[in-house]
PDB file of N, CA and C in Angstrom:
ATOM      1  N   MET A   1     -32.349   9.238 -17.062  1.00  0.00           N
ATOM      2  CA  MET A   1     -32.188  10.574 -17.625  1.00  0.00           C
ATOM      3  C   MET A   1     -33.574  11.140 -17.921  1.00  0.00           C
ATOM      4  N   ILE A   2     -33.674  12.428 -17.733  1.00  0.00           N
ATOM      5  CA  ILE A   2     -34.972  13.083 -17.936  1.00  0.00           C
ATOM      6  C   ILE A   2     -35.331  13.049 -19.418  1.00  0.00           C
ATOM      7  N   ASN A   3     -36.539  12.630 -19.671  1.00  0.00           N
ATOM      8  CA  ASN A   3     -37.072  12.722 -21.030  1.00  0.00           C
ATOM      9  C   ASN A   3     -37.604  14.137 -21.166  1.00  0.00           C
ATOM     10  N   LEU A   4     -37.009  14.900 -22.069  1.00  0.00           N
ATOM     11  CA  LEU A   4     -37.402  16.301 -22.207  1.00  0.00           C
ATOM     12  C   LEU A   4     -38.875  16.450 -22.556  1.00  0.00           C
ATOM     13  N   LYS A   5     -39.462  15.425 -23.133  1.00  0.00           N
ATOM     14  CA  LYS A   5     -40.890  15.485 -23.455  1.00  0.00           C
ATOM     15  C   LYS A   5     -41.735  15.442 -22.182  1.00  0.00           C
ATOM     16  N   GLU A   6     -41.154  14.896 -21.081  1.00  0.00           N
ATOM     17  CA  GLU A   6     -41.888  14.853 -19.826  1.00  0.00           C
ATOM     18  C   GLU A   6     -41.977  16.228 -19.182  1.00  0.00           C
ATOM     19  N   LEU A   7     -40.972  17.050 -19.413  1.00  0.00           N
ATOM     20  CA  LEU A   7     -40.962  18.378 -18.805  1.00  0.00           C
ATOM     21  C   LEU A   7     -41.883  19.314 -19.573  1.00  0.00           C
ATOM     22  N   HIS A   8     -42.510  20.145 -18.810  1.00  0.00           N
ATOM     23  CA  HIS A   8     -43.354  21.179 -19.430  1.00  0.00           C
ATOM     24  C   HIS A   8     -42.449  22.352 -19.760  1.00  0.00           C
ATOM     25  N   THR A   9     -42.316  22.631 -21.031  1.00  0.00           N
ATOM     26  CA  THR A   9     -41.474  23.751 -21.440  1.00  0.00           C
ATOM     27  C   THR A   9     -42.288  24.731 -22.288  1.00  0.00           C
ATOM     28  N   ASP A  10     -42.788  24.258 -23.398  1.00  0.00           N
ATOM     29  CA  ASP A  10     -43.546  25.134 -24.302  1.00  0.00           C
ATOM     30  C   ASP A  10     -45.051  25.012 -24.092  1.00  0.00           C
ATOM     31  N   ASP A  11     -45.461  24.049 -23.278  1.00  0.00           N
ATOM     32  CA  ASP A  11     -46.898  23.798 -23.136  1.00  0.00           C
ATOM     33  C   ASP A  11     -47.467  24.260 -21.800  1.00  0.00           C
ATOM     34  N   PHE A  12     -46.814  25.240 -21.170  1.00  0.00           N
ATOM     35  CA  PHE A  12     -47.333  25.757 -19.908  1.00  0.00           C
ATOM     36  C   PHE A  12     -48.723  26.343 -20.113  1.00  0.00           C
ATOM     37  N   SER A  13     -49.566  26.090 -19.156  1.00  0.00           N
ATOM     38  CA  SER A  13     -50.917  26.640 -19.197  1.00  0.00           C
ATOM     39  C   SER A  13     -50.882  27.997 -18.507  1.00  0.00           C
ATOM     40  N   MET A  14     -50.873  29.026 -19.275  1.00  0.00           N
ATOM     41  CA  MET A  14     -50.785  30.370 -18.733  1.00  0.00           C
ATOM     42  C   MET A  14     -52.160  30.890 -18.294  1.00  0.00           C
ATOM     43  N   ASN A  15     -53.229  30.242 -18.748  1.00  0.00           N
ATOM     44  CA  ASN A  15     -54.585  30.709 -18.427  1.00  0.00           C
ATOM     45  C   ASN A  15     -55.005  30.272 -17.030  1.00  0.00           C
ATOM     46  N   SER A  16     -54.485  29.136 -16.575  1.00  0.00           N
ATOM     47  CA  SER A  16     -54.896  28.613 -15.278  1.00  0.00           C
ATOM     48  C   SER A  16     -53.694  28.603 -14.345  1.00  0.00           C
ATOM     49  N   GLY A  17     -53.753  29.376 -13.295  1.00  0.00           N
ATOM     50  CA  GLY A  17     -52.669  29.434 -12.333  1.00  0.00           C
ATOM     51  C   GLY A  17     -52.462  28.088 -11.648  1.00  0.00           C
ATOM     52  N   ARG A  18     -53.554  27.382 -11.390  1.00  0.00           N
ATOM     53  CA  ARG A  18     -53.456  26.078 -10.726  1.00  0.00           C
ATOM     54  C   ARG A  18     -52.763  25.057 -11.624  1.00  0.00           C
ATOM     55  N   LEU A  19     -53.161  24.969 -12.884  1.00  0.00           N
ATOM     56  CA  LEU A  19     -52.544  24.025 -13.822  1.00  0.00           C
ATOM     57  C   LEU A  19     -51.071  24.369 -14.024  1.00  0.00           C
ATOM     58  N   PHE A  20     -50.758  25.664 -14.075  1.00  0.00           N
ATOM     59  CA  PHE A  20     -49.366  26.103 -14.224  1.00  0.00           C
ATOM     60  C   PHE A  20     -48.540  25.616 -13.035  1.00  0.00           C
ATOM     61  N   ARG A  21     -49.069  25.797 -11.812  1.00  0.00           N
ATOM     62  CA  ARG A  21     -48.366  25.330 -10.614  1.00  0.00           C
ATOM     63  C   ARG A  21     -48.163  23.810 -10.655  1.00  0.00           C
ATOM     64  N   GLU A  22     -49.191  23.076 -11.076  1.00  0.00           N
ATOM     65  CA  GLU A  22     -49.086  21.615 -11.160  1.00  0.00           C
ATOM     66  C   GLU A  22     -48.015  21.201 -12.170  1.00  0.00           C
ATOM     67  N   GLN A  23     -47.967  21.920 -13.298  1.00  0.00           N
ATOM     68  CA  GLN A  23     -46.946  21.624 -14.307  1.00  0.00           C
ATOM     69  C   GLN A  23     -45.541  21.920 -13.756  1.00  0.00           C
ATOM     70  N   MET A  24     -45.406  23.013 -13.003  1.00  0.00           N
ATOM     71  CA  MET A  24     -44.112  23.351 -12.402  1.00  0.00           C
ATOM     72  C   MET A  24     -43.722  22.287 -11.371  1.00  0.00           C
ATOM     73  N   ILE A  25     -44.683  21.829 -10.580  1.00  0.00           N
ATOM     74  CA  ILE A  25     -44.410  20.784  -9.592  1.00  0.00           C
ATOM     75  C   ILE A  25     -43.952  19.513 -10.287  1.00  0.00           C
ATOM     76  N   GLU A  26     -44.602  19.128 -11.378  1.00  0.00           N
ATOM     77  CA  GLU A  26     -44.182  17.942 -12.145  1.00  0.00           C
ATOM     78  C   GLU A  26     -42.759  18.115 -12.654  1.00  0.00           C
ATOM     79  N   ASN A  27     -42.447  19.302 -13.149  1.00  0.00           N
ATOM     80  CA  ASN A  27     -41.082  19.562 -13.637  1.00  0.00           C
ATOM     81  C   ASN A  27     -40.070  19.401 -12.509  1.00  0.00           C
ATOM     82  N   PHE A  28     -40.373  20.025 -11.361  1.00  0.00           N
ATOM     83  CA  PHE A  28     -39.442  19.948 -10.238  1.00  0.00           C
ATOM     84  C   PHE A  28     -39.281  18.512  -9.738  1.00  0.00           C
ATOM     85  N   LYS A  29     -40.371  17.750  -9.711  1.00  0.00           N
ATOM     86  CA  LYS A  29     -40.285  16.348  -9.290  1.00  0.00           C
ATOM     87  C   LYS A  29     -39.437  15.533 -10.267  1.00  0.00           C
ATOM     88  N   ALA A  30     -39.612  15.782 -11.563  1.00  0.00           N
ATOM     89  CA  ALA A  30     -38.822  15.065 -12.572  1.00  0.00           C
ATOM     90  C   ALA A  30     -37.344  15.440 -12.445  1.00  0.00           C
ATOM     91  N   ILE A  31     -37.078  16.727 -12.229  1.00  0.00           N
ATOM     92  CA  ILE A  31     -35.693  17.181 -12.073  1.00  0.00           C
ATOM     93  C   ILE A  31     -35.096  16.600 -10.791  1.00  0.00           C
ATOM     94  N   GLU A  32     -35.876  16.603  -9.705  1.00  0.00           N
ATOM     95  CA  GLU A  32     -35.401  16.042  -8.446  1.00  0.00           C
ATOM     96  C   GLU A  32     -35.113  14.550  -8.580  1.00  0.00           C
ATOM     97  N   GLN A  33     -35.977  13.823  -9.276  1.00  0.00           N
ATOM     98  CA  GLN A  33     -35.749  12.395  -9.480  1.00  0.00           C
ATOM     99  C   GLN A  33     -34.472  12.161 -10.284  1.00  0.00           C
ATOM    100  N   GLU A  34     -34.268  12.967 -11.311  1.00  0.00           N
ATOM    101  CA  GLU A  34     -33.047  12.854 -12.120  1.00  0.00           C
ATOM    102  C   GLU A  34     -31.815  13.153 -11.266  1.00  0.00           C
ATOM    103  N   PHE A  35     -31.927  14.184 -10.435  1.00  0.00           N
ATOM    104  CA  PHE A  35     -30.819  14.534  -9.544  1.00  0.00           C
ATOM    105  C   PHE A  35     -30.511  13.362  -8.604  1.00  0.00           C
ATOM    106  N   ASN A  36     -31.539  12.793  -7.998  1.00  0.00           N
ATOM    107  CA  ASN A  36     -31.344  11.671  -7.074  1.00  0.00           C
ATOM    108  C   ASN A  36     -30.733  10.460  -7.783  1.00  0.00           C
ATOM    109  N   ASP A  37     -31.188  10.202  -9.015  1.00  0.00           N
ATOM    110  CA  ASP A  37     -30.617   9.090  -9.789  1.00  0.00           C
ATOM    111  C   ASP A  37     -29.138   9.335 -10.069  1.00  0.00           C
ATOM    112  N   LEU A  38     -28.807  10.556 -10.475  1.00  0.00           N
ATOM    113  CA  LEU A  38     -27.407  10.895 -10.753  1.00  0.00           C
ATOM    114  C   LEU A  38     -26.571  10.832  -9.475  1.00  0.00           C
ATOM    115  N   ARG A  39     -27.116  11.322  -8.368  1.00  0.00           N
ATOM    116  CA  ARG A  39     -26.401  11.263  -7.091  1.00  0.00           C
ATOM    117  C   ARG A  39     -26.128   9.811  -6.722  1.00  0.00           C
ATOM    118  N   GLY A  40     -27.115   8.925  -6.938  1.00  0.00           N
ATOM    119  CA  GLY A  40     -26.923   7.505  -6.651  1.00  0.00           C
ATOM    120  C   GLY A  40     -25.816   6.899  -7.504  1.00  0.00           C
ATOM    121  N   GLU A  41     -25.791   7.258  -8.786  1.00  0.00           N
ATOM    122  CA  GLU A  41     -24.741   6.752  -9.672  1.00  0.00           C
ATOM    123  C   GLU A  41     -23.368   7.268  -9.245  1.00  0.00           C
ATOM    124  N   ILE A  42     -23.312   8.548  -8.871  1.00  0.00           N
ATOM    125  CA  ILE A  42     -22.033   9.130  -8.426  1.00  0.00           C
ATOM    126  C   ILE A  42     -21.574   8.447  -7.144  1.00  0.00           C
ATOM    127  N   ASP A  43     -22.497   8.240  -6.197  1.00  0.00           N
ATOM    128  CA  ASP A  43     -22.138   7.576  -4.940  1.00  0.00           C
ATOM    129  C   ASP A  43     -21.648   6.148  -5.198  1.00  0.00           C
ATOM    130  N   SER A  44     -22.317   5.471  -6.112  1.00  0.00           N
ATOM    131  CA  SER A  44     -21.911   4.103  -6.454  1.00  0.00           C
ATOM    132  C   SER A  44     -20.515   4.091  -7.073  1.00  0.00           C
ATOM    133  N   GLU A  45     -20.276   5.011  -7.983  1.00  0.00           N
ATOM    134  CA  GLU A  45     -18.944   5.128  -8.598  1.00  0.00           C
ATOM    135  C   GLU A  45     -17.889   5.455  -7.545  1.00  0.00           C
ATOM    136  N   GLU A  46     -18.241   6.328  -6.611  1.00  0.00           N
ATOM    137  CA  GLU A  46     -17.294   6.698  -5.560  1.00  0.00           C
ATOM    138  C   GLU A  46     -16.977   5.496  -4.668  1.00  0.00           C
ATOM    139  N   ARG A  47     -17.990   4.713  -4.315  1.00  0.00           N
ATOM    140  CA  ARG A  47     -17.753   3.508  -3.507  1.00  0.00           C
ATOM    141  C   ARG A  47     -16.871   2.525  -4.265  1.00  0.00           C
ATOM    142  N   ASP A  48     -17.160   2.350  -5.551  1.00  0.00           N
ATOM    143  CA  ASP A  48     -16.340   1.438  -6.360  1.00  0.00           C
ATOM    144  C   ASP A  48     -14.903   1.926  -6.439  1.00  0.00           C
ATOM    145  N   ARG A  49     -14.735   3.235  -6.623  1.00  0.00           N
ATOM    146  CA  ARG A  49     -13.382   3.805  -6.710  1.00  0.00           C
ATOM    147  C   ARG A  49     -12.641   3.620  -5.394  1.00  0.00           C
ATOM    148  N   LYS A  50     -13.338   3.888  -4.287  1.00  0.00           N
ATOM    149  CA  LYS A  50     -12.693   3.722  -2.981  1.00  0.00           C
ATOM    150  C   LYS A  50     -12.312   2.268  -2.755  1.00  0.00           C
ATOM    151  N   SER A  51     -13.178   1.366  -3.180  1.00  0.00           N
ATOM    152  CA  SER A  51     -12.876  -0.061  -3.035  1.00  0.00           C
ATOM    153  C   SER A  51     -11.642  -0.427  -3.852  1.00  0.00           C
ATOM    154  N   GLU A  52     -11.586   0.049  -5.078  1.00  0.00           N
ATOM    155  CA  GLU A  52     -10.425  -0.215  -5.928  1.00  0.00           C
ATOM    156  C   GLU A  52      -9.170   0.442  -5.347  1.00  0.00           C
ATOM    157  N   ASP A  53      -9.315   1.662  -4.798  1.00  0.00           N
ATOM    158  CA  ASP A  53      -8.178   2.336  -4.162  1.00  0.00           C
ATOM    159  C   ASP A  53      -7.663   1.513  -2.989  1.00  0.00           C
ATOM    160  N   THR A  54      -8.594   0.978  -2.198  1.00  0.00           N
ATOM    161  CA  THR A  54      -8.209   0.162  -1.053  1.00  0.00           C
ATOM    162  C   THR A  54      -7.451  -1.079  -1.512  1.00  0.00           C
ATOM    163  N   LYS A  55      -7.965  -1.724  -2.556  1.00  0.00           N
ATOM    164  CA  LYS A  55      -7.281  -2.909  -3.099  1.00  0.00           C
ATOM    165  C   LYS A  55      -5.892  -2.538  -3.603  1.00  0.00           C
ATOM    166  N   LEU A  56      -5.808  -1.426  -4.323  1.00  0.00           N
ATOM    167  CA  LEU A  56      -4.516  -0.991  -4.876  1.00  0.00           C
ATOM    168  C   LEU A  56      -3.543  -0.643  -3.751  1.00  0.00           C
ATOM    169  N   ASN A  57      -4.028   0.053  -2.722  1.00  0.00           N
ATOM    170  CA  ASN A  57      -3.162   0.370  -1.586  1.00  0.00           C
ATOM    171  C   ASN A  57      -2.682  -0.896  -0.894  1.00  0.00           C
ATOM    172  N   GLY A  58      -3.562  -1.894  -0.811  1.00  0.00           N
ATOM    173  CA  GLY A  58      -3.148  -3.176  -0.231  1.00  0.00           C
ATOM    174  C   GLY A  58      -2.048  -3.825  -1.051  1.00  0.00           C
ATOM    175  N   ARG A  59      -2.195  -3.772  -2.360  1.00  0.00           N
ATOM    176  CA  ARG A  59      -1.168  -4.348  -3.236  1.00  0.00           C
ATOM    177  C   ARG A  59       0.150  -3.576  -3.108  1.00  0.00           C
ATOM    178  N   ILE A  60       0.057  -2.250  -2.993  1.00  0.00           N
ATOM    179  CA  ILE A  60       1.264  -1.432  -2.829  1.00  0.00           C
ATOM    180  C   ILE A  60       1.936  -1.765  -1.506  1.00  0.00           C
ATOM    181  N   ASP A  61       1.131  -1.853  -0.430  1.00  0.00           N
ATOM    182  CA  ASP A  61       1.695  -2.203   0.882  1.00  0.00           C
ATOM    183  C   ASP A  61       2.355  -3.577   0.846  1.00  0.00           C
ATOM    184  N   ASN A  62       1.703  -4.531   0.184  1.00  0.00           N
ATOM    185  CA  ASN A  62       2.259  -5.883   0.063  1.00  0.00           C
ATOM    186  C   ASN A  62       3.586  -5.851  -0.698  1.00  0.00           C
ATOM    187  N   THR A  63       3.623  -5.110  -1.776  1.00  0.00           N
ATOM    188  CA  THR A  63       4.849  -4.992  -2.567  1.00  0.00           C
ATOM    189  C   THR A  63       5.961  -4.330  -1.748  1.00  0.00           C
ATOM    190  N   ASN A  64       5.604  -3.260  -1.007  1.00  0.00           N
ATOM    191  CA  ASN A  64       6.605  -2.593  -0.165  1.00  0.00           C
ATOM    192  C   ASN A  64       7.133  -3.539   0.912  1.00  0.00           C
ATOM    193  N   ALA A  65       6.240  -4.331   1.498  1.00  0.00           N
ATOM    194  CA  ALA A  65       6.667  -5.284   2.522  1.00  0.00           C
ATOM    195  C   ALA A  65       7.614  -6.318   1.921  1.00  0.00           C
ATOM    196  N   ARG A  66       7.287  -6.787   0.720  1.00  0.00           N
ATOM    197  CA  ARG A  66       8.168  -7.761   0.059  1.00  0.00           C
ATOM    198  C   ARG A  66       9.522  -7.137  -0.245  1.00  0.00           C
ATOM    199  N   LEU A  67       9.531  -5.869  -0.679  1.00  0.00           N
ATOM    200  CA  LEU A  67      10.799  -5.194  -0.959  1.00  0.00           C
ATOM    201  C   LEU A  67      11.606  -5.001   0.318  1.00  0.00           C
ATOM    202  N   ASP A  68      10.922  -4.626   1.410  1.00  0.00           N
ATOM    203  CA  ASP A  68      11.616  -4.484   2.690  1.00  0.00           C
ATOM    204  C   ASP A  68      12.217  -5.812   3.118  1.00  0.00           C
ATOM    205  N   ASN A  69      11.464  -6.883   2.927  1.00  0.00           N
ATOM    206  CA  ASN A  69      11.940  -8.217   3.287  1.00  0.00           C
ATOM    207  C   ASN A  69      13.164  -8.587   2.453  1.00  0.00           C
ATOM    208  N   LEU A  70      13.120  -8.247   1.168  1.00  0.00           N
ATOM    209  CA  LEU A  70      14.274  -8.521   0.308  1.00  0.00           C
ATOM    210  C   LEU A  70      15.490  -7.729   0.776  1.00  0.00           C
ATOM    211  N   ASP A  71      15.262  -6.456   1.168  1.00  0.00           N
ATOM    212  CA  ASP A  71      16.366  -5.641   1.677  1.00  0.00           C
ATOM    213  C   ASP A  71      16.942  -6.258   2.939  1.00  0.00           C
ATOM    214  N   LYS A  72      16.072  -6.752   3.838  1.00  0.00           N
ATOM    215  CA  LYS A  72      16.544  -7.386   5.071  1.00  0.00           C
ATOM    216  C   LYS A  72      17.318  -8.654   4.751  1.00  0.00           C
ATOM    217  N   GLN A  73      16.808  -9.435   3.786  1.00  0.00           N
ATOM    218  CA  GLN A  73      17.520 -10.657   3.404  1.00  0.00           C
ATOM    219  C   GLN A  73      18.867 -10.316   2.818  1.00  0.00           C
ATOM    220  N   LYS A  74      18.922  -9.244   2.026  1.00  0.00           N
ATOM    221  CA  LYS A  74      20.196  -8.837   1.445  1.00  0.00           C
ATOM    222  C   LYS A  74      21.158  -8.406   2.543  1.00  0.00           C
ATOM    223  N   ALA A  75      20.642  -7.630   3.498  1.00  0.00           N
ATOM    224  CA  ALA A  75      21.494  -7.198   4.601  1.00  0.00           C
ATOM    225  C   ALA A  75      21.991  -8.411   5.369  1.00  0.00           C
ATOM    226  N   THR A  76      21.115  -9.366   5.611  1.00  0.00           N
ATOM    227  CA  THR A  76      21.509 -10.576   6.316  1.00  0.00           C
ATOM    228  C   THR A  76      22.551 -11.340   5.513  1.00  0.00           C
ATOM    229  N   HIS A  77      22.349 -11.434   4.215  1.00  0.00           N
ATOM    230  CA  HIS A  77      23.307 -12.110   3.345  1.00  0.00           C
ATOM    231  C   HIS A  77      24.644 -11.393   3.398  1.00  0.00           C
ATOM    232  N   ASP A  78      24.614 -10.063   3.345  1.00  0.00           N
ATOM    233  CA  ASP A  78      25.855  -9.289   3.417  1.00  0.00           C
ATOM    234  C   ASP A  78      26.550  -9.497   4.765  1.00  0.00           C
ATOM    235  N   GLU A  79      25.764  -9.532   5.842  1.00  0.00           N
ATOM    236  CA  GLU A  79      26.344  -9.746   7.164  1.00  0.00           C
ATOM    237  C   GLU A  79      27.005 -11.119   7.254  1.00  0.00           C
ATOM    238  N   VAL A  80      26.321 -12.134   6.722  1.00  0.00           N
ATOM    239  CA  VAL A  80      26.881 -13.494   6.741  1.00  0.00           C
ATOM    240  C   VAL A  80      28.158 -13.545   5.912  1.00  0.00           C
ATOM    241  N   LYS A  81      28.136 -12.890   4.766  1.00  0.00           N
ATOM    242  CA  LYS A  81      29.328 -12.881   3.909  1.00  0.00           C
ATOM    243  C   LYS A  81      30.498 -12.191   4.618  1.00  0.00           C
ATOM    244  N   ASN A  82      30.226 -11.070   5.283  1.00  0.00           N
ATOM    245  CA  ASN A  82      31.292 -10.365   6.014  1.00  0.00           C
ATOM    246  C   ASN A  82      31.844 -11.229   7.152  1.00  0.00           C
ATOM    247  N   LEU A  83      30.938 -11.875   7.882  1.00  0.00           N
ATOM    248  CA  LEU A  83      31.375 -12.749   8.968  1.00  0.00           C
ATOM    249  C   LEU A  83      32.200 -13.912   8.417  1.00  0.00           C
ATOM    250  N   HIS A  84      31.752 -14.474   7.310  1.00  0.00           N
ATOM    251  CA  HIS A  84      32.483 -15.570   6.659  1.00  0.00           C
ATOM    252  C   HIS A  84      33.881 -15.115   6.269  1.00  0.00           C
ATOM    253  N   ASP A  85      33.952 -13.928   5.671  1.00  0.00           N
ATOM    254  CA  ASP A  85      35.263 -13.402   5.270  1.00  0.00           C
ATOM    255  C   ASP A  85      36.175 -13.172   6.481  1.00  0.00           C
ATOM    256  N   GLU A  86      35.602 -12.650   7.568  1.00  0.00           N
ATOM    257  CA  GLU A  86      36.396 -12.435   8.785  1.00  0.00           C
ATOM    258  C   GLU A  86      36.886 -13.757   9.356  1.00  0.00           C
ATOM    259  N   LEU A  87      36.018 -14.767   9.367  1.00  0.00           N
ATOM    260  CA  LEU A  87      36.415 -16.076   9.889  1.00  0.00           C
ATOM    261  C   LEU A  87      37.505 -16.711   9.034  1.00  0.00           C
ATOM    262  N   LEU A  88      37.374 -16.594   7.727  1.00  0.00           N
ATOM    263  CA  LEU A  88      38.411 -17.134   6.847  1.00  0.00           C
ATOM    264  C   LEU A  88      39.747 -16.455   7.104  1.00  0.00           C
ATOM    265  N   LEU A  89      39.714 -15.146   7.296  1.00  0.00           N
ATOM    266  CA  LEU A  89      40.945 -14.413   7.573  1.00  0.00           C
ATOM    267  C   LEU A  89      41.546 -14.852   8.912  1.00  0.00           C
ATOM    268  N   ARG A  90      40.696 -15.033   9.910  1.00  0.00           N
ATOM    269  CA  ARG A  90      41.177 -15.484  11.228  1.00  0.00           C
ATOM    270  C   ARG A  90      41.782 -16.890  11.128  1.00  0.00           C
ATOM    271  N   ILE A  91      41.076 -17.786  10.410  1.00  0.00           N
ATOM    272  CA  ILE A  91      41.596 -19.148  10.224  1.00  0.00           C
ATOM    273  C   ILE A  91      42.946 -19.108   9.526  1.00  0.00           C
ATOM    274  N   LYS A  92      43.055 -18.236   8.529  1.00  0.00           N
ATOM    275  CA  LYS A  92      44.324 -18.101   7.802  1.00  0.00           C
ATOM    276  C   LYS A  92      45.431 -17.644   8.754  1.00  0.00           C
ATOM    277  N   HIS A  93      45.135 -16.668   9.595  1.00  0.00           N
ATOM    278  CA  HIS A  93      46.148 -16.183  10.546  1.00  0.00           C
ATOM    279  C   HIS A  93      46.513 -17.268  11.564  1.00  0.00           C
ATOM    280  N   ILE A  94      45.505 -17.988  12.026  1.00  0.00           N
ATOM    281  CA  ILE A  94      45.787 -19.070  12.988  1.00  0.00           C
ATOM    282  C   ILE A  94      46.646 -20.136  12.317  1.00  0.00           C
ATOM    283  N   TYR A  95      46.308 -20.522  11.113  1.00  0.00           N
ATOM    284  CA  TYR A  95      47.036 -21.559  10.381  1.00  0.00           C
ATOM    285  C   TYR A  95      48.479 -21.137  10.142  1.00  0.00           C
ATOM    286  N   LEU A  96      48.655 -19.861   9.790  1.00  0.00           N
ATOM    287  CA  LEU A  96      50.010 -19.372   9.519  1.00  0.00           C
ATOM    288  C   LEU A  96      50.754 -18.996  10.787  1.00  0.00           C
ATOM    289  N   GLY A  97      50.043 -19.013  11.931  1.00  0.00           N
ATOM    290  CA  GLY A  97      50.701 -18.674  13.196  1.00  0.00           C
ATOM    291  C   GLY A  97      50.888 -17.187  13.370  1.00  0.00           C
ATOM    292  N   THR A  98      50.120 -16.400  12.682  1.00  0.00           N
ATOM    293  CA  THR A  98      50.279 -14.949  12.790  1.00  0.00           C
ATOM    294  C   THR A  98      49.140 -14.290  13.560  1.00  0.00           C
ATOM    295  N   ASP A  99      48.235 -15.102  14.119  1.00  0.00           N
ATOM    296  CA  ASP A  99      47.130 -14.544  14.908  1.00  0.00           C
ATOM    297  C   ASP A  99      47.592 -14.432  16.352  1.00  0.00           C
ATOM    298  N   LYS A 100      47.951 -13.225  16.776  1.00  0.00           N
ATOM    299  CA  LYS A 100      48.542 -13.009  18.101  1.00  0.00           C
ATOM    300  C   LYS A 100      47.607 -13.442  19.216  1.00  0.00           C
ATOM    301  N   GLN A 101      46.337 -13.159  19.094  1.00  0.00           N
ATOM    302  CA  GLN A 101      45.397 -13.544  20.136  1.00  0.00           C
ATOM    303  C   GLN A 101      45.324 -15.058  20.261  1.00  0.00           C
ATOM    304  N   ALA A 102      45.308 -15.757  19.135  1.00  0.00           N
ATOM    305  CA  ALA A 102      45.255 -17.223  19.172  1.00  0.00           C
ATOM    306  C   ALA A 102      46.524 -17.776  19.803  1.00  0.00           C
ATOM    307  N   ILE A 103      47.669 -17.167  19.485  1.00  0.00           N
ATOM    308  CA  ILE A 103      48.946 -17.619  20.056  1.00  0.00           C
ATOM    309  C   ILE A 103      48.945 -17.414  21.563  1.00  0.00           C
ATOM    310  N   ARG A 104      48.465 -16.239  22.017  1.00  0.00           N
ATOM    311  CA  ARG A 104      48.389 -15.968  23.456  1.00  0.00           C
ATOM    312  C   ARG A 104      47.494 -16.996  24.149  1.00  0.00           C
ATOM    313  N   ASP A 105      46.341 -17.287  23.527  1.00  0.00           N
ATOM    314  CA  ASP A 105      45.404 -18.253  24.114  1.00  0.00           C
ATOM    315  C   ASP A 105      46.046 -19.632  24.260  1.00  0.00           C
ATOM    316  N   VAL A 106      46.798 -20.052  23.247  1.00  0.00           N
ATOM    317  CA  VAL A 106      47.458 -21.359  23.294  1.00  0.00           C
ATOM    318  C   VAL A 106      48.512 -21.374  24.389  1.00  0.00           C
ATOM    319  N   ILE A 107      49.305 -20.293  24.480  1.00  0.00           N
ATOM    320  CA  ILE A 107      50.362 -20.225  25.501  1.00  0.00           C
ATOM    321  C   ILE A 107      49.753 -20.261  26.902  1.00  0.00           C
ATOM    322  N   LEU A 108      48.645 -19.507  27.117  1.00  0.00           N
ATOM    323  CA  LEU A 108      47.995 -19.508  28.427  1.00  0.00           C
ATOM    324  C   LEU A 108      47.451 -20.893  28.772  1.00  0.00           C
ATOM    325  N   GLN A 109      46.882 -21.561  27.803  1.00  0.00           N
ATOM    326  CA  GLN A 109      46.365 -22.913  28.045  1.00  0.00           C
ATOM    327  C   GLN A 109      47.515 -23.858  28.400  1.00  0.00           C
ATOM    328  N   MET A 110      48.622 -23.723  27.700  1.00  0.00           N
ATOM    329  CA  MET A 110      49.780 -24.584  27.975  1.00  0.00           C
ATOM    330  C   MET A 110      50.328 -24.302  29.367  1.00  0.00           C
ATOM    331  N   LYS A 111      50.368 -23.040  29.791  1.00  0.00           N
ATOM    332  CA  LYS A 111      50.837 -22.678  31.121  1.00  0.00           C
ATOM    333  C   LYS A 111      49.913 -23.268  32.194  1.00  0.00           C
ATOM    334  N   GLU A 112      48.601 -23.181  31.938  1.00  0.00           N
ATOM    335  CA  GLU A 112      47.630 -23.713  32.910  1.00  0.00           C
ATOM    336  C   GLU A 112      47.803 -25.223  33.069  1.00  0.00           C
ATOM    337  N   LYS A 113      48.124 -25.880  32.004  1.00  0.00           N
ATOM    338  CA  LYS A 113      48.293 -27.337  32.065  1.00  0.00           C
ATOM    339  C   LYS A 113      49.680 -27.717  32.581  1.00  0.00           C
ATOM    340  N   GLY A 114      50.534 -26.723  32.732  1.00  0.00           N
ATOM    341  CA  GLY A 114      51.874 -26.996  33.220  1.00  0.00           C
ATOM    342  C   GLY A 114      52.805 -27.510  32.144  1.00  0.00           C
ATOM    343  N   GLU A 115      52.468 -27.305  30.912  1.00  0.00           N
ATOM    344  CA  GLU A 115      53.304 -27.791  29.827  1.00  0.00           C
ATOM    345  C   GLU A 115      54.448 -26.845  29.553  1.00  0.00           C
ATOM    346  N   ILE A 116      54.353 -25.656  30.070  1.00  0.00           N
ATOM    347  CA  ILE A 116      55.441 -24.691  29.849  1.00  0.00           C
ATOM    348  C   ILE A 116      55.997 -24.301  31.200  1.00  0.00           C
TER     349      ILE A 116
END
């Protein structure tokens, strides 16, 4: 940060044009150095922020992927449960002799073997 005592404010040499110019040049150099220092700090903060944003986006993407995977597992679980329920119902119909397709299949097999 600029030390205000370094800047020429009240002590300008008004009698010598050359000394006045030199004092103005010193002021501008001090201000330029302060500007460059601040720009460096801002750039550093921006890089740090972008790095943190990248990390956070990675964590968000990872979390979304895990949630998608959970949704797929749930869908798979639901599909397996539905298939299980359908198979149980089919087994029940076959056991009770009410599954027409199973009865037809048995009759055709018996005909092929000559049992009927």
